[in-house]
Amino acid sequence: MQQGIFVGPQIKQIFEDQAFSTKLNATERRAGEAFENVCMDFLGNKKVENYRENVQELISLYSTIGCNTSLKVHSLLSH
């Protein structure tokens, strides 16, 4: 079992790597897409309206594939 922390440049490399997604099964691929959605639509420069559903889907799919992770997200809302 491997564990680690990914930072911005590493995450971008995974998103751009076409060979990576071919090595995943269907459920893992859906979890990867959910992770990408959360990164782009919530943690990026913009925040979509349905971000809660995206995060919930990510947690659900990670649970399905047996990924035990704590999702800690700190955000600063500015007015």
PDB file of N, CA and C in Angstrom:
ATOM      1  N   MET A   1       0.853  -1.183   0.000  1.00  0.00           N
ATOM      2  CA  MET A   1       0.000   0.000   0.000  1.00  0.00           C
ATOM      3  C   MET A   1       0.888   1.232   0.000  1.00  0.00           C
ATOM      4  N   GLN A   2       0.607   2.135  -0.918  1.00  0.00           N
ATOM      5  CA  GLN A   2       1.365   3.371  -0.992  1.00  0.00           C
ATOM      6  C   GLN A   2       0.488   4.533  -0.566  1.00  0.00           C
ATOM      7  N   GLN A   3       1.121   5.471   0.033  1.00  0.00           N
ATOM      8  CA  GLN A   3       0.407   6.679   0.397  1.00  0.00           C
ATOM      9  C   GLN A   3       1.338   7.856   0.182  1.00  0.00           C
ATOM     10  N   GLY A   4       0.772   8.999   0.017  1.00  0.00           N
ATOM     11  CA  GLY A   4       1.597  10.165  -0.208  1.00  0.00           C
ATOM     12  C   GLY A   4       0.755  11.407  -0.363  1.00  0.00           C
ATOM     13  N   ILE A   5       1.443  12.481  -0.564  1.00  0.00           N
ATOM     14  CA  ILE A   5       0.796  13.767  -0.733  1.00  0.00           C
ATOM     15  C   ILE A   5       1.170  14.285  -2.111  1.00  0.00           C
ATOM     16  N   PHE A   6       0.168  14.684  -2.869  1.00  0.00           N
ATOM     17  CA  PHE A   6       0.398  15.261  -4.183  1.00  0.00           C
ATOM     18  C   PHE A   6       0.284  16.773  -4.075  1.00  0.00           C
ATOM     19  N   VAL A   7       1.170  17.460  -4.757  1.00  0.00           N
ATOM     20  CA  VAL A   7       1.109  18.917  -4.808  1.00  0.00           C
ATOM     21  C   VAL A   7       0.709  19.334  -6.220  1.00  0.00           C
ATOM     22  N   GLY A   8       0.421  20.597  -6.399  1.00  0.00           N
ATOM     23  CA  GLY A   8      -0.105  21.127  -7.650  1.00  0.00           C
ATOM     24  C   GLY A   8       0.559  20.627  -8.920  1.00  0.00           C
ATOM     25  N   PRO A   9       1.885  20.775  -9.072  1.00  0.00           N
ATOM     26  CA  PRO A   9       2.518  20.326 -10.315  1.00  0.00           C
ATOM     27  C   PRO A   9       2.359  18.823 -10.564  1.00  0.00           C
ATOM     28  N   GLN A  10       2.409  18.015  -9.521  1.00  0.00           N
ATOM     29  CA  GLN A  10       2.240  16.577  -9.688  1.00  0.00           C
ATOM     30  C   GLN A  10       0.819  16.232 -10.122  1.00  0.00           C
ATOM     31  N   ILE A  11      -0.141  16.919  -9.563  1.00  0.00           N
ATOM     32  CA  ILE A  11      -1.537  16.682  -9.923  1.00  0.00           C
ATOM     33  C   ILE A  11      -1.768  17.045 -11.387  1.00  0.00           C
ATOM     34  N   LYS A  12      -1.212  18.168 -11.821  1.00  0.00           N
ATOM     35  CA  LYS A  12      -1.349  18.576 -13.222  1.00  0.00           C
ATOM     36  C   LYS A  12      -0.721  17.553 -14.155  1.00  0.00           C
ATOM     37  N   GLN A  13       0.413  16.976 -13.771  1.00  0.00           N
ATOM     38  CA  GLN A  13       1.060  15.955 -14.600  1.00  0.00           C
ATOM     39  C   GLN A  13       0.162  14.738 -14.754  1.00  0.00           C
ATOM     40  N   ILE A  14      -0.503  14.329 -13.691  1.00  0.00           N
ATOM     41  CA  ILE A  14      -1.404  13.179 -13.752  1.00  0.00           C
ATOM     42  C   ILE A  14      -2.577  13.482 -14.681  1.00  0.00           C
ATOM     43  N   PHE A  15      -3.155  14.674 -14.581  1.00  0.00           N
ATOM     44  CA  PHE A  15      -4.277  15.048 -15.435  1.00  0.00           C
ATOM     45  C   PHE A  15      -3.880  15.034 -16.911  1.00  0.00           C
ATOM     46  N   GLU A  16      -2.657  15.420 -17.213  1.00  0.00           N
ATOM     47  CA  GLU A  16      -2.196  15.513 -18.602  1.00  0.00           C
ATOM     48  C   GLU A  16      -1.691  14.183 -19.155  1.00  0.00           C
ATOM     49  N   ASP A  17      -1.424  13.199 -18.299  1.00  0.00           N
ATOM     50  CA  ASP A  17      -0.867  11.914 -18.722  1.00  0.00           C
ATOM     51  C   ASP A  17      -1.968  11.014 -19.270  1.00  0.00           C
ATOM     52  N   GLN A  18      -1.961  10.824 -20.588  1.00  0.00           N
ATOM     53  CA  GLN A  18      -2.988  10.009 -21.243  1.00  0.00           C
ATOM     54  C   GLN A  18      -2.847   8.526 -20.900  1.00  0.00           C
ATOM     55  N   ALA A  19      -1.633   8.057 -20.672  1.00  0.00           N
ATOM     56  CA  ALA A  19      -1.399   6.639 -20.374  1.00  0.00           C
ATOM     57  C   ALA A  19      -1.902   6.268 -18.984  1.00  0.00           C
ATOM     58  N   PHE A  20      -1.958   7.228 -18.080  1.00  0.00           N
ATOM     59  CA  PHE A  20      -2.379   6.942 -16.710  1.00  0.00           C
ATOM     60  C   PHE A  20      -3.805   6.407 -16.664  1.00  0.00           C
ATOM     61  N   SER A  21      -4.721   7.059 -17.347  1.00  0.00           N
ATOM     62  CA  SER A  21      -6.125   6.647 -17.279  1.00  0.00           C
ATOM     63  C   SER A  21      -6.369   5.295 -17.937  1.00  0.00           C
ATOM     64  N   THR A  22      -5.509   4.891 -18.859  1.00  0.00           N
ATOM     65  CA  THR A  22      -5.688   3.588 -19.505  1.00  0.00           C
ATOM     66  C   THR A  22      -5.346   2.433 -18.568  1.00  0.00           C
ATOM     67  N   LYS A  23      -4.632   2.706 -17.499  1.00  0.00           N
ATOM     68  CA  LYS A  23      -4.237   1.670 -16.541  1.00  0.00           C
ATOM     69  C   LYS A  23      -5.258   1.481 -15.423  1.00  0.00           C
ATOM     70  N   LEU A  24      -6.320   2.259 -15.454  1.00  0.00           N
ATOM     71  CA  LEU A  24      -7.332   2.204 -14.405  1.00  0.00           C
ATOM     72  C   LEU A  24      -8.550   1.421 -14.869  1.00  0.00           C
ATOM     73  N   ASN A  25      -9.221   0.769 -13.899  1.00  0.00           N
ATOM     74  CA  ASN A  25     -10.492   0.141 -14.254  1.00  0.00           C
ATOM     75  C   ASN A  25     -11.570   1.219 -14.273  1.00  0.00           C
ATOM     76  N   ALA A  26     -12.790   0.846 -14.599  1.00  0.00           N
ATOM     77  CA  ALA A  26     -13.871   1.832 -14.792  1.00  0.00           C
ATOM     78  C   ALA A  26     -14.150   2.633 -13.521  1.00  0.00           C
ATOM     79  N   THR A  27     -14.178   1.965 -12.377  1.00  0.00           N
ATOM     80  CA  THR A  27     -14.474   2.662 -11.115  1.00  0.00           C
ATOM     81  C   THR A  27     -13.343   3.607 -10.747  1.00  0.00           C
ATOM     82  N   GLU A  28     -12.104   3.159 -10.917  1.00  0.00           N
ATOM     83  CA  GLU A  28     -10.959   4.014 -10.621  1.00  0.00           C
ATOM     84  C   GLU A  28     -10.926   5.215 -11.559  1.00  0.00           C
ATOM     85  N   ARG A  29     -11.291   4.996 -12.810  1.00  0.00           N
ATOM     86  CA  ARG A  29     -11.329   6.097 -13.783  1.00  0.00           C
ATOM     87  C   ARG A  29     -12.381   7.127 -13.380  1.00  0.00           C
ATOM     88  N   ARG A  30     -13.558   6.651 -12.932  1.00  0.00           N
ATOM     89  CA  ARG A  30     -14.606   7.580 -12.471  1.00  0.00           C
ATOM     90  C   ARG A  30     -14.131   8.363 -11.253  1.00  0.00           C
ATOM     91  N   ALA A  31     -13.416   7.698 -10.342  1.00  0.00           N
ATOM     92  CA  ALA A  31     -12.881   8.377  -9.156  1.00  0.00           C
ATOM     93  C   ALA A  31     -11.851   9.424  -9.573  1.00  0.00           C
ATOM     94  N   GLY A  32     -11.031   9.101 -10.566  1.00  0.00           N
ATOM     95  CA  GLY A  32     -10.052  10.061 -11.060  1.00  0.00           C
ATOM     96  C   GLY A  32     -10.710  11.267 -11.696  1.00  0.00           C
ATOM     97  N   GLU A  33     -11.779  11.026 -12.444  1.00  0.00           N
ATOM     98  CA  GLU A  33     -12.518  12.129 -13.047  1.00  0.00           C
ATOM     99  C   GLU A  33     -13.187  12.984 -11.986  1.00  0.00           C
ATOM    100  N   ALA A  34     -13.709  12.349 -10.934  1.00  0.00           N
ATOM    101  CA  ALA A  34     -14.318  13.102  -9.841  1.00  0.00           C
ATOM    102  C   ALA A  34     -13.268  13.956  -9.134  1.00  0.00           C
ATOM    103  N   PHE A  35     -12.070  13.395  -8.953  1.00  0.00           N
ATOM    104  CA  PHE A  35     -10.981  14.148  -8.331  1.00  0.00           C
ATOM    105  C   PHE A  35     -10.601  15.352  -9.188  1.00  0.00           C
ATOM    106  N   GLU A  36     -10.531  15.138 -10.497  1.00  0.00           N
ATOM    107  CA  GLU A  36     -10.199  16.238 -11.399  1.00  0.00           C
ATOM    108  C   GLU A  36     -11.286  17.322 -11.349  1.00  0.00           C
ATOM    109  N   ASN A  37     -12.553  16.901 -11.300  1.00  0.00           N
ATOM    110  CA  ASN A  37     -13.645  17.873 -11.201  1.00  0.00           C
ATOM    111  C   ASN A  37     -13.524  18.709  -9.940  1.00  0.00           C
ATOM    112  N   VAL A  38     -13.221  18.062  -8.821  1.00  0.00           N
ATOM    113  CA  VAL A  38     -13.089  18.810  -7.564  1.00  0.00           C
ATOM    114  C   VAL A  38     -11.910  19.764  -7.643  1.00  0.00           C
ATOM    115  N   CYS A  39     -10.805  19.311  -8.188  1.00  0.00           N
ATOM    116  CA  CYS A  39      -9.628  20.178  -8.297  1.00  0.00           C
ATOM    117  C   CYS A  39      -9.894  21.389  -9.185  1.00  0.00           C
ATOM    118  N   MET A  40     -10.550  21.162 -10.308  1.00  0.00           N
ATOM    119  CA  MET A  40     -10.769  22.250 -11.263  1.00  0.00           C
ATOM    120  C   MET A  40     -11.944  23.148 -10.874  1.00  0.00           C
ATOM    121  N   ASP A  41     -13.006  22.554 -10.341  1.00  0.00           N
ATOM    122  CA  ASP A  41     -14.232  23.316 -10.102  1.00  0.00           C
ATOM    123  C   ASP A  41     -14.390  23.823  -8.673  1.00  0.00           C
ATOM    124  N   PHE A  42     -13.521  23.406  -7.774  1.00  0.00           N
ATOM    125  CA  PHE A  42     -13.654  23.855  -6.391  1.00  0.00           C
ATOM    126  C   PHE A  42     -12.347  24.441  -5.878  1.00  0.00           C
ATOM    127  N   LEU A  43     -11.249  23.755  -6.122  1.00  0.00           N
ATOM    128  CA  LEU A  43      -9.972  24.217  -5.597  1.00  0.00           C
ATOM    129  C   LEU A  43      -9.268  25.195  -6.522  1.00  0.00           C
ATOM    130  N   GLY A  44      -9.764  25.339  -7.733  1.00  0.00           N
ATOM    131  CA  GLY A  44      -9.148  26.246  -8.697  1.00  0.00           C
ATOM    132  C   GLY A  44      -9.568  27.683  -8.461  1.00  0.00           C
ATOM    133  N   ASN A  45      -9.451  28.471  -9.490  1.00  0.00           N
ATOM    134  CA  ASN A  45      -9.782  29.893  -9.395  1.00  0.00           C
ATOM    135  C   ASN A  45     -11.278  30.163  -9.412  1.00  0.00           C
ATOM    136  N   LYS A  46     -12.045  29.177  -9.823  1.00  0.00           N
ATOM    137  CA  LYS A  46     -13.487  29.360  -9.869  1.00  0.00           C
ATOM    138  C   LYS A  46     -14.155  28.312  -8.988  1.00  0.00           C
ATOM    139  N   LYS A  47     -15.364  28.588  -8.588  1.00  0.00           N
ATOM    140  CA  LYS A  47     -16.103  27.656  -7.736  1.00  0.00           C
ATOM    141  C   LYS A  47     -17.482  27.486  -8.352  1.00  0.00           C
ATOM    142  N   VAL A  48     -17.769  26.267  -8.828  1.00  0.00           N
ATOM    143  CA  VAL A  48     -19.059  26.007  -9.451  1.00  0.00           C
ATOM    144  C   VAL A  48     -20.132  25.873  -8.379  1.00  0.00           C
ATOM    145  N   GLU A  49     -21.371  26.023  -8.797  1.00  0.00           N
ATOM    146  CA  GLU A  49     -22.472  25.988  -7.841  1.00  0.00           C
ATOM    147  C   GLU A  49     -22.701  24.612  -7.230  1.00  0.00           C
ATOM    148  N   ASN A  50     -22.409  23.542  -7.985  1.00  0.00           N
ATOM    149  CA  ASN A  50     -22.675  22.203  -7.478  1.00  0.00           C
ATOM    150  C   ASN A  50     -21.418  21.549  -6.875  1.00  0.00           C
ATOM    151  N   TYR A  51     -20.546  22.342  -6.284  1.00  0.00           N
ATOM    152  CA  TYR A  51     -19.304  21.792  -5.747  1.00  0.00           C
ATOM    153  C   TYR A  51     -19.555  20.782  -4.640  1.00  0.00           C
ATOM    154  N   ARG A  52     -20.616  20.949  -3.879  1.00  0.00           N
ATOM    155  CA  ARG A  52     -20.907  19.985  -2.804  1.00  0.00           C
ATOM    156  C   ARG A  52     -21.200  18.594  -3.374  1.00  0.00           C
ATOM    157  N   GLU A  53     -21.955  18.540  -4.453  1.00  0.00           N
ATOM    158  CA  GLU A  53     -22.250  17.255  -5.088  1.00  0.00           C
ATOM    159  C   GLU A  53     -20.975  16.623  -5.645  1.00  0.00           C
ATOM    160  N   ASN A  54     -20.096  17.454  -6.215  1.00  0.00           N
ATOM    161  CA  ASN A  54     -18.833  16.948  -6.743  1.00  0.00           C
ATOM    162  C   ASN A  54     -17.961  16.351  -5.645  1.00  0.00           C
ATOM    163  N   VAL A  55     -17.872  17.040  -4.518  1.00  0.00           N
ATOM    164  CA  VAL A  55     -17.068  16.537  -3.403  1.00  0.00           C
ATOM    165  C   VAL A  55     -17.692  15.268  -2.835  1.00  0.00           C
ATOM    166  N   GLN A  56     -19.012  15.231  -2.708  1.00  0.00           N
ATOM    167  CA  GLN A  56     -19.691  14.042  -2.200  1.00  0.00           C
ATOM    168  C   GLN A  56     -19.472  12.844  -3.124  1.00  0.00           C
ATOM    169  N   GLU A  57     -19.528  13.069  -4.429  1.00  0.00           N
ATOM    170  CA  GLU A  57     -19.276  12.000  -5.388  1.00  0.00           C
ATOM    171  C   GLU A  57     -17.844  11.486  -5.249  1.00  0.00           C
ATOM    172  N   LEU A  58     -16.887  12.396  -5.080  1.00  0.00           N
ATOM    173  CA  LEU A  58     -15.491  12.018  -4.901  1.00  0.00           C
ATOM    174  C   LEU A  58     -15.322  11.129  -3.674  1.00  0.00           C
ATOM    175  N   ILE A  59     -15.892  11.531  -2.565  1.00  0.00           N
ATOM    176  CA  ILE A  59     -15.781  10.749  -1.333  1.00  0.00           C
ATOM    177  C   ILE A  59     -16.422   9.381  -1.505  1.00  0.00           C
ATOM    178  N   SER A  60     -17.583   9.336  -2.140  1.00  0.00           N
ATOM    179  CA  SER A  60     -18.285   8.073  -2.369  1.00  0.00           C
ATOM    180  C   SER A  60     -17.468   7.128  -3.247  1.00  0.00           C
ATOM    181  N   LEU A  61     -16.920   7.636  -4.344  1.00  0.00           N
ATOM    182  CA  LEU A  61     -16.133   6.800  -5.249  1.00  0.00           C
ATOM    183  C   LEU A  61     -14.832   6.334  -4.604  1.00  0.00           C
ATOM    184  N   TYR A  62     -14.199   7.201  -3.826  1.00  0.00           N
ATOM    185  CA  TYR A  62     -12.986   6.786  -3.118  1.00  0.00           C
ATOM    186  C   TYR A  62     -13.303   5.670  -2.134  1.00  0.00           C
ATOM    187  N   SER A  63     -14.442   5.767  -1.466  1.00  0.00           N
ATOM    188  CA  SER A  63     -14.856   4.717  -0.543  1.00  0.00           C
ATOM    189  C   SER A  63     -15.105   3.409  -1.285  1.00  0.00           C
ATOM    190  N   THR A  64     -15.702   3.490  -2.465  1.00  0.00           N
ATOM    191  CA  THR A  64     -15.998   2.307  -3.276  1.00  0.00           C
ATOM    192  C   THR A  64     -14.729   1.565  -3.679  1.00  0.00           C
ATOM    193  N   ILE A  65     -13.680   2.285  -4.011  1.00  0.00           N
ATOM    194  CA  ILE A  65     -12.443   1.628  -4.429  1.00  0.00           C
ATOM    195  C   ILE A  65     -11.537   1.286  -3.247  1.00  0.00           C
ATOM    196  N   GLY A  66     -12.003   1.564  -2.032  1.00  0.00           N
ATOM    197  CA  GLY A  66     -11.251   1.199  -0.840  1.00  0.00           C
ATOM    198  C   GLY A  66     -10.132   2.151  -0.495  1.00  0.00           C
ATOM    199  N   CYS A  67     -10.276   3.367  -0.902  1.00  0.00           N
ATOM    200  CA  CYS A  67      -9.264   4.378  -0.620  1.00  0.00           C
ATOM    201  C   CYS A  67      -9.623   5.060   0.694  1.00  0.00           C
ATOM    202  N   ASN A  68      -8.808   4.827   1.692  1.00  0.00           N
ATOM    203  CA  ASN A  68      -9.029   5.460   2.988  1.00  0.00           C
ATOM    204  C   ASN A  68      -8.240   6.752   3.020  1.00  0.00           C
ATOM    205  N   THR A  69      -8.938   7.829   2.913  1.00  0.00           N
ATOM    206  CA  THR A  69      -8.276   9.125   2.886  1.00  0.00           C
ATOM    207  C   THR A  69      -9.084  10.128   3.673  1.00  0.00           C
ATOM    208  N   SER A  70      -8.395  11.058   4.237  1.00  0.00           N
ATOM    209  CA  SER A  70      -9.103  12.166   4.866  1.00  0.00           C
ATOM    210  C   SER A  70      -8.997  13.340   3.918  1.00  0.00           C
ATOM    211  N   LEU A  71     -10.100  13.888   3.599  1.00  0.00           N
ATOM    212  CA  LEU A  71     -10.139  15.010   2.677  1.00  0.00           C
ATOM    213  C   LEU A  71     -10.224  16.279   3.510  1.00  0.00           C
ATOM    214  N   LYS A  72      -9.105  16.958   3.616  1.00  0.00           N
ATOM    215  CA  LYS A  72      -9.056  18.186   4.391  1.00  0.00           C
ATOM    216  C   LYS A  72      -8.910  19.353   3.433  1.00  0.00           C
ATOM    217  N   VAL A  73      -9.901  20.157   3.420  1.00  0.00           N
ATOM    218  CA  VAL A  73      -9.889  21.307   2.531  1.00  0.00           C
ATOM    219  C   VAL A  73     -10.142  22.551   3.366  1.00  0.00           C
ATOM    220  N   HIS A  74      -9.228  23.464   3.267  1.00  0.00           N
ATOM    221  CA  HIS A  74      -9.385  24.739   3.950  1.00  0.00           C
ATOM    222  C   HIS A  74      -9.556  25.810   2.887  1.00  0.00           C
ATOM    223  N   SER A  75     -10.602  26.537   2.995  1.00  0.00           N
ATOM    224  CA  SER A  75     -10.784  27.599   2.010  1.00  0.00           C
ATOM    225  C   SER A  75     -11.089  28.908   2.715  1.00  0.00           C
ATOM    226  N   LEU A  76     -10.673  29.950   2.114  1.00  0.00           N
ATOM    227  CA  LEU A  76     -10.912  31.281   2.622  1.00  0.00           C
ATOM    228  C   LEU A  76     -11.909  31.966   1.714  1.00  0.00           C
ATOM    229  N   LEU A  77     -13.022  32.288   2.257  1.00  0.00           N
ATOM    230  CA  LEU A  77     -14.028  32.985   1.465  1.00  0.00           C
ATOM    231  C   LEU A  77     -13.858  34.486   1.681  1.00  0.00           C
ATOM    232  N   SER A  78     -13.644  35.165   0.603  1.00  0.00           N
ATOM    233  CA  SER A  78     -13.504  36.612   0.711  1.00  0.00           C
ATOM    234  C   SER A  78     -14.764  37.279   0.202  1.00  0.00           C
ATOM    235  N   HIS A  79     -15.095  38.384   0.765  1.00  0.00           N
ATOM    236  CA  HIS A  79     -16.313  39.107   0.379  1.00  0.00           C
ATOM    237  C   HIS A  79     -15.959  40.298  -0.477  1.00  0.00           C
TER     238      HIS A  79
END
